[in-house]
C-alpha atoms as a PDB file:
ATOM      1  CA  GLN A   1    -106.014  34.385 -12.500  1.00  0.00           C
ATOM      2  CA  VAL A   2    -102.272  33.841 -12.648  1.00  0.00           C
ATOM      3  CA  GLN A   3    -100.285  34.765  -9.574  1.00  0.00           C
ATOM      4  CA  LEU A   4     -96.557  34.643  -8.913  1.00  0.00           C
ATOM      5  CA  VAL A   5     -95.635  35.364  -5.320  1.00  0.00           C
ATOM      6  CA  GLU A   6     -92.003  35.831  -4.337  1.00  0.00           C
ATOM      7  CA  SER A   7     -90.616  35.440  -0.846  1.00  0.00           C
ATOM      8  CA  GLY A   8     -87.263  35.204   0.875  1.00  0.00           C
ATOM      9  CA  GLY A   9     -85.737  38.602   0.254  1.00  0.00           C
ATOM     10  CA  GLY A  10     -84.068  40.633   2.965  1.00  0.00           C
ATOM     11  CA  LEU A  11     -80.919  42.264   4.245  1.00  0.00           C
ATOM     12  CA  VAL A  12     -77.713  40.255   4.375  1.00  0.00           C
ATOM     13  CA  GLN A  13     -74.049  41.005   4.762  1.00  0.00           C
ATOM     14  CA  ALA A  14     -71.636  40.511   1.890  1.00  0.00           C
ATOM     15  CA  GLY A  15     -70.638  36.875   1.641  1.00  0.00           C
ATOM     16  CA  GLY A  16     -73.954  35.709   3.046  1.00  0.00           C
ATOM     17  CA  SER A  17     -76.743  33.701   1.487  1.00  0.00           C
ATOM     18  CA  LEU A  18     -80.427  34.060   0.734  1.00  0.00           C
ATOM     19  CA  ARG A  19     -82.947  31.762  -0.869  1.00  0.00           C
ATOM     20  CA  LEU A  20     -85.732  33.276  -2.919  1.00  0.00           C
ATOM     21  CA  SER A  21     -88.875  31.317  -3.658  1.00  0.00           C
ATOM     22  CA  CYS A  22     -91.707  31.932  -6.071  1.00  0.00           C
ATOM     23  CA  ALA A  23     -95.054  30.194  -5.768  1.00  0.00           C
ATOM     24  CA  ALA A  24     -97.141  30.090  -8.929  1.00  0.00           C
ATOM     25  CA  SER A  25    -100.861  29.548  -9.269  1.00  0.00           C
ATOM     26  CA  GLY A  26    -103.453  29.811 -12.011  1.00  0.00           C
ATOM     27  CA  LEU A  27    -101.264  28.344 -14.754  1.00  0.00           C
ATOM     28  CA  THR A  28     -99.972  24.964 -15.885  1.00  0.00           C
ATOM     29  CA  PHE A  29     -96.614  25.470 -14.235  1.00  0.00           C
ATOM     30  CA  SER A  30     -94.838  22.642 -16.046  1.00  0.00           C
ATOM     31  CA  SER A  31     -95.511  24.385 -19.380  1.00  0.00           C
ATOM     32  CA  TYR A  32     -93.636  27.533 -18.436  1.00  0.00           C
ATOM     33  CA  THR A  33     -89.994  28.458 -18.446  1.00  0.00           C
ATOM     34  CA  MET A  34     -89.322  30.403 -15.261  1.00  0.00           C
ATOM     35  CA  GLY A  35     -86.943  33.275 -14.850  1.00  0.00           C
ATOM     36  CA  TRP A  36     -85.531  35.433 -12.095  1.00  0.00           C
ATOM     37  CA  PHE A  37     -84.865  39.044 -13.020  1.00  0.00           C
ATOM     38  CA  ARG A  38     -83.573  41.923 -10.954  1.00  0.00           C
ATOM     39  CA  GLN A  39     -83.653  45.675 -11.126  1.00  0.00           C
ATOM     40  CA  ALA A  40     -81.368  47.957  -9.166  1.00  0.00           C
ATOM     41  CA  PRO A  41     -82.127  51.664  -8.670  1.00  0.00           C
ATOM     42  CA  GLY A  42     -81.409  53.621 -11.818  1.00  0.00           C
ATOM     43  CA  LYS A  43     -80.682  50.506 -13.846  1.00  0.00           C
ATOM     44  CA  GLU A  44     -82.596  48.433 -16.334  1.00  0.00           C
ATOM     45  CA  ARG A  45     -84.146  45.128 -15.399  1.00  0.00           C
ATOM     46  CA  GLU A  46     -81.853  42.213 -16.181  1.00  0.00           C
ATOM     47  CA  ILE A  47     -82.046  38.454 -16.297  1.00  0.00           C
ATOM     48  CA  VAL A  48     -80.365  36.646 -13.429  1.00  0.00           C
ATOM     49  CA  ALA A  49     -81.261  33.039 -14.138  1.00  0.00           C
ATOM     50  CA  ALA A  50     -83.805  30.961 -15.997  1.00  0.00           C
ATOM     51  CA  ILE A  51     -84.871  27.335 -16.013  1.00  0.00           C
ATOM     52  CA  ARG A  52     -86.598  25.614 -18.860  1.00  0.00           C
ATOM     53  CA  TRP A  53     -90.158  24.350 -18.437  1.00  0.00           C
ATOM     54  CA  SER A  54     -88.856  20.766 -18.404  1.00  0.00           C
ATOM     55  CA  GLY A  55     -86.239  21.690 -15.831  1.00  0.00           C
ATOM     56  CA  GLY A  56     -83.352  20.274 -17.811  1.00  0.00           C
ATOM     57  CA  ILE A  57     -81.736  23.454 -19.079  1.00  0.00           C
ATOM     58  CA  THR A  58     -80.694  26.489 -17.081  1.00  0.00           C
ATOM     59  CA  TYR A  59     -79.223  29.892 -17.889  1.00  0.00           C
ATOM     60  CA  TYR A  60     -77.222  32.208 -15.631  1.00  0.00           C
ATOM     61  CA  LYS A  61     -75.986  35.736 -15.952  1.00  0.00           C
ATOM     62  CA  ASP A  62     -72.201  35.588 -16.042  1.00  0.00           C
ATOM     63  CA  SER A  63     -71.735  37.546 -12.834  1.00  0.00           C
ATOM     64  CA  VAL A  64     -73.779  35.055 -10.790  1.00  0.00           C
ATOM     65  CA  LYS A  65     -72.431  31.807 -12.226  1.00  0.00           C
ATOM     66  CA  GLY A  66     -71.049  29.603  -9.477  1.00  0.00           C
ATOM     67  CA  ARG A  67     -72.852  31.624  -6.800  1.00  0.00           C
ATOM     68  CA  PHE A  68     -76.542  31.318  -7.680  1.00  0.00           C
ATOM     69  CA  THR A  69     -78.567  28.193  -8.404  1.00  0.00           C
ATOM     70  CA  ILE A  70     -82.031  28.114  -9.903  1.00  0.00           C
ATOM     71  CA  SER A  71     -84.298  25.131  -9.377  1.00  0.00           C
ATOM     72  CA  ARG A  72     -87.943  24.247  -9.793  1.00  0.00           C
ATOM     73  CA  ASP A  73     -90.449  21.809  -8.390  1.00  0.00           C
ATOM     74  CA  ASN A  74     -93.201  21.241 -10.921  1.00  0.00           C
ATOM     75  CA  ALA A  75     -95.218  19.206  -8.449  1.00  0.00           C
ATOM     76  CA  LYS A  76     -95.370  22.178  -6.068  1.00  0.00           C
ATOM     77  CA  SER A  77     -95.420  24.889  -8.773  1.00  0.00           C
ATOM     78  CA  THR A  78     -92.457  26.639  -7.255  1.00  0.00           C
ATOM     79  CA  VAL A  79     -89.170  28.011  -8.494  1.00  0.00           C
ATOM     80  CA  SER A  80     -86.288  28.946  -6.230  1.00  0.00           C
ATOM     81  CA  LEU A  81     -83.077  30.905  -6.455  1.00  0.00           C
ATOM     82  CA  GLN A  82     -80.340  29.999  -4.004  1.00  0.00           C
ATOM     83  CA  MET A  83     -77.946  32.906  -3.735  1.00  0.00           C
ATOM     84  CA  ASN A  84     -74.570  32.372  -2.082  1.00  0.00           C
ATOM     85  CA  SER A  85     -71.520  34.577  -1.669  1.00  0.00           C
ATOM     86  CA  LEU A  86     -73.678  37.635  -2.100  1.00  0.00           C
ATOM     87  CA  LYS A  87     -72.074  40.912  -3.085  1.00  0.00           C
ATOM     88  CA  PRO A  88     -73.256  44.500  -2.655  1.00  0.00           C
ATOM     89  CA  GLU A  89     -73.772  44.682  -6.416  1.00  0.00           C
ATOM     90  CA  ASP A  90     -76.431  41.985  -6.097  1.00  0.00           C
ATOM     91  CA  THR A  91     -78.635  44.504  -4.312  1.00  0.00           C
ATOM     92  CA  ALA A  92     -81.866  44.899  -6.278  1.00  0.00           C
ATOM     93  CA  VAL A  93     -85.523  44.044  -6.408  1.00  0.00           C
ATOM     94  CA  TYR A  94     -85.792  40.464  -7.625  1.00  0.00           C
ATOM     95  CA  TYR A  95     -88.714  39.369  -9.766  1.00  0.00           C
ATOM     96  CA  CYS A  96     -90.018  35.956 -10.667  1.00  0.00           C
ATOM     97  CA  ALA A  97     -91.452  35.649 -14.181  1.00  0.00           C
ATOM     98  CA  ALA A  98     -93.125  32.989 -16.339  1.00  0.00           C
ATOM     99  CA  ARG A  99     -92.732  32.430 -20.081  1.00  0.00           C
ATOM    100  CA  TYR A 100     -94.846  29.943 -22.011  1.00  0.00           C
ATOM    101  CA  LYS A 101     -92.749  27.124 -23.426  1.00  0.00           C
ATOM    102  CA  SER A 102     -93.464  27.867 -27.099  1.00  0.00           C
ATOM    103  CA  THR A 103     -92.692  31.570 -26.876  1.00  0.00           C
ATOM    104  CA  SER A 104     -90.136  32.578 -29.512  1.00  0.00           C
ATOM    105  CA  GLY A 105     -86.996  34.525 -28.761  1.00  0.00           C
ATOM    106  CA  SER A 106     -84.370  34.310 -26.065  1.00  0.00           C
ATOM    107  CA  VAL A 107     -85.204  33.347 -22.495  1.00  0.00           C
ATOM    108  CA  THR A 108     -82.884  36.153 -21.418  1.00  0.00           C
ATOM    109  CA  SER A 109     -85.222  38.833 -22.742  1.00  0.00           C
ATOM    110  CA  ASP A 110     -87.959  40.025 -20.438  1.00  0.00           C
ATOM    111  CA  ARG A 111     -90.225  40.569 -23.455  1.00  0.00           C
ATOM    112  CA  GLY A 112     -91.151  36.904 -23.630  1.00  0.00           C
ATOM    113  CA  TYR A 113     -92.351  36.653 -20.058  1.00  0.00           C
ATOM    114  CA  GLY A 114     -96.055  37.148 -19.775  1.00  0.00           C
ATOM    115  CA  TYR A 115     -96.477  36.899 -16.028  1.00  0.00           C
ATOM    116  CA  TRP A 116     -94.561  38.644 -13.271  1.00  0.00           C
ATOM    117  CA  GLY A 117     -94.468  38.645  -9.511  1.00  0.00           C
ATOM    118  CA  GLN A 118     -94.522  41.770  -7.389  1.00  0.00           C
ATOM    119  CA  GLY A 119     -90.831  41.575  -6.552  1.00  0.00           C
ATOM    120  CA  THR A 120     -88.831  41.082  -3.376  1.00  0.00           C
ATOM    121  CA  GLN A 121     -86.044  43.334  -2.147  1.00  0.00           C
ATOM    122  CA  VAL A 122     -82.562  41.932  -1.670  1.00  0.00           C
ATOM    123  CA  THR A 123     -80.062  44.212   0.023  1.00  0.00           C
ATOM    124  CA  VAL A 124     -76.442  43.198   0.508  1.00  0.00           C
ATOM    125  CA  SER A 125     -74.413  45.351   2.855  1.00  0.00           C
ATOM    126  CA  SER A 126     -70.654  45.697   2.595  1.00  0.00           C
END
Protein backbone atom coordinates (compact mmCIF):
# COMPACT_ATOMS: atom_id res chain seq x y z
CA GLN A 1 0.00 0.00 0.00
CA VAL A 2 1.43 3.33 -1.09
CA GLN A 3 1.47 6.10 1.47
CA LEU A 4 2.61 9.70 1.20
CA VAL A 5 2.65 11.53 4.51
CA GLU A 6 3.25 15.27 4.61
CA SER A 7 4.45 17.21 7.62
CA GLY A 8 5.75 20.65 8.46
CA GLY A 9 2.79 22.89 7.75
CA GLY A 10 1.64 25.59 10.12
CA LEU A 11 1.04 29.26 10.72
CA VAL A 12 3.78 31.74 9.92
CA GLN A 13 4.03 35.47 9.46
CA ALA A 14 4.71 36.98 6.06
CA GLY A 15 8.41 36.86 5.30
CA GLY A 16 8.89 33.73 7.37
CA SER A 17 9.91 30.23 6.38
CA LEU A 18 8.54 26.72 6.58
CA ARG A 19 9.89 23.38 5.46
CA LEU A 20 7.46 20.75 4.27
CA SER A 21 8.45 17.11 4.16
CA CYS A 22 6.81 14.11 2.56
CA ALA A 23 7.69 10.56 3.53
CA ALA A 24 6.83 7.90 0.97
CA SER A 25 6.37 4.19 1.50
CA GLY A 26 5.09 1.25 -0.50
CA LEU A 27 6.66 2.31 -3.79
CA THR A 28 10.07 2.35 -5.46
CA PHE A 29 10.65 5.99 -4.64
CA SER A 30 13.55 6.49 -7.04
CA SER A 31 11.25 5.63 -9.97
CA TYR A 32 8.83 8.46 -9.27
CA THR A 33 8.85 12.12 -10.09
CA MET A 34 7.60 13.97 -7.02
CA GLY A 35 5.50 17.07 -6.98
CA TRP A 36 4.17 19.58 -4.49
CA PHE A 37 0.74 21.00 -5.27
CA ARG A 38 -1.41 23.44 -3.36
CA GLN A 39 -5.05 24.36 -3.22
CA ALA A 40 -6.39 27.55 -1.70
CA PRO A 41 -10.06 27.96 -0.75
CA GLY A 42 -12.20 28.51 -3.82
CA LYS A 43 -9.31 27.90 -6.20
CA GLU A 44 -8.15 25.00 -8.30
CA ARG A 45 -5.24 22.84 -7.28
CA GLU A 46 -1.98 24.02 -8.81
CA ILE A 47 1.56 22.78 -9.17
CA VAL A 48 4.11 24.47 -6.94
CA ALA A 49 7.24 22.49 -7.68
CA ALA A 50 8.34 19.13 -9.02
CA ILE A 51 11.55 17.13 -9.06
CA ARG A 52 12.37 14.44 -11.53
CA TRP A 53 12.75 10.84 -10.35
CA SER A 54 16.52 11.08 -10.91
CA GLY A 55 16.64 14.34 -8.99
CA GLY A 56 18.44 16.23 -11.71
CA ILE A 57 15.63 18.35 -13.08
CA THR A 58 13.25 20.59 -11.17
CA TYR A 59 10.25 22.73 -12.05
CA TYR A 60 8.84 25.73 -10.17
CA LYS A 61 5.72 27.79 -10.51
CA ASP A 62 6.80 31.28 -11.52
CA SER A 63 5.48 32.94 -8.38
CA VAL A 64 7.64 30.77 -6.10
CA LYS A 65 10.90 30.83 -8.07
CA GLY A 66 13.73 32.11 -5.91
CA ARG A 67 11.72 31.54 -2.73
CA PHE A 68 10.97 27.81 -2.71
CA THR A 69 13.36 24.90 -3.16
CA ILE A 70 12.36 21.31 -3.78
CA SER A 71 14.72 18.48 -2.95
CA ARG A 72 14.60 14.73 -2.54
CA ASP A 73 16.51 12.01 -0.76
CA ASN A 74 16.01 8.73 -2.59
CA ALA A 75 17.80 6.81 0.14
CA LYS A 76 15.25 7.99 2.70
CA SER A 77 12.26 8.11 0.31
CA THR A 78 11.54 11.70 1.19
CA VAL A 79 10.87 14.89 -0.70
CA SER A 80 11.01 18.33 0.87
CA LEU A 81 9.90 21.83 0.02
CA GLN A 82 11.79 24.67 1.66
CA MET A 83 9.64 27.77 1.56
CA ASN A 84 11.23 31.14 2.30
CA SER A 85 9.93 34.70 2.14
CA LEU A 86 6.40 33.42 2.48
CA LYS A 87 3.53 35.62 1.39
CA PRO A 88 -0.15 35.59 2.36
CA GLU A 89 -0.97 34.36 -1.13
CA ASP A 90 0.99 31.19 -0.39
CA THR A 91 -1.73 30.20 2.07
CA ALA A 92 -3.18 26.86 0.98
CA VAL A 93 -3.29 23.17 1.67
CA TYR A 94 -0.10 21.67 0.28
CA TYR A 95 -0.08 18.17 -1.16
CA CYS A 96 2.74 15.82 -1.98
CA ALA A 97 2.19 13.64 -5.06
CA ALA A 98 4.02 10.88 -6.94
CA ARG A 99 4.14 10.30 -10.70
CA TYR A 100 5.73 7.22 -12.25
CA LYS A 101 8.76 8.11 -14.34
CA SER A 102 7.35 6.86 -17.66
CA THR A 103 4.03 8.65 -17.35
CA SER A 104 3.34 10.77 -20.44
CA GLY A 105 2.36 14.41 -20.32
CA SER A 106 3.59 17.38 -18.37
CA VAL A 107 4.81 17.10 -14.79
CA THR A 108 2.84 20.27 -14.09
CA SER A 109 -0.49 18.54 -14.60
CA ASP A 110 -2.00 16.79 -11.62
CA ARG A 111 -3.50 14.17 -13.94
CA GLY A 112 -0.25 12.26 -14.17
CA TYR A 113 0.19 11.82 -10.44
CA GLY A 114 -1.17 8.55 -9.24
CA TYR A 115 -0.52 8.88 -5.53
CA TRP A 116 -1.33 11.75 -3.19
CA GLY A 117 -0.79 12.63 0.42
CA GLN A 118 -3.50 13.89 2.73
CA GLY A 119 -2.27 17.48 2.63
CA THR A 120 -0.86 19.90 5.18
CA GLN A 121 -2.15 23.39 5.86
CA VAL A 122 0.13 26.37 5.37
CA THR A 123 -1.20 29.70 6.58
CA VAL A 124 0.74 32.92 6.10
CA SER A 125 -0.49 35.91 8.04
CA SER A 126 0.08 39.48 6.90
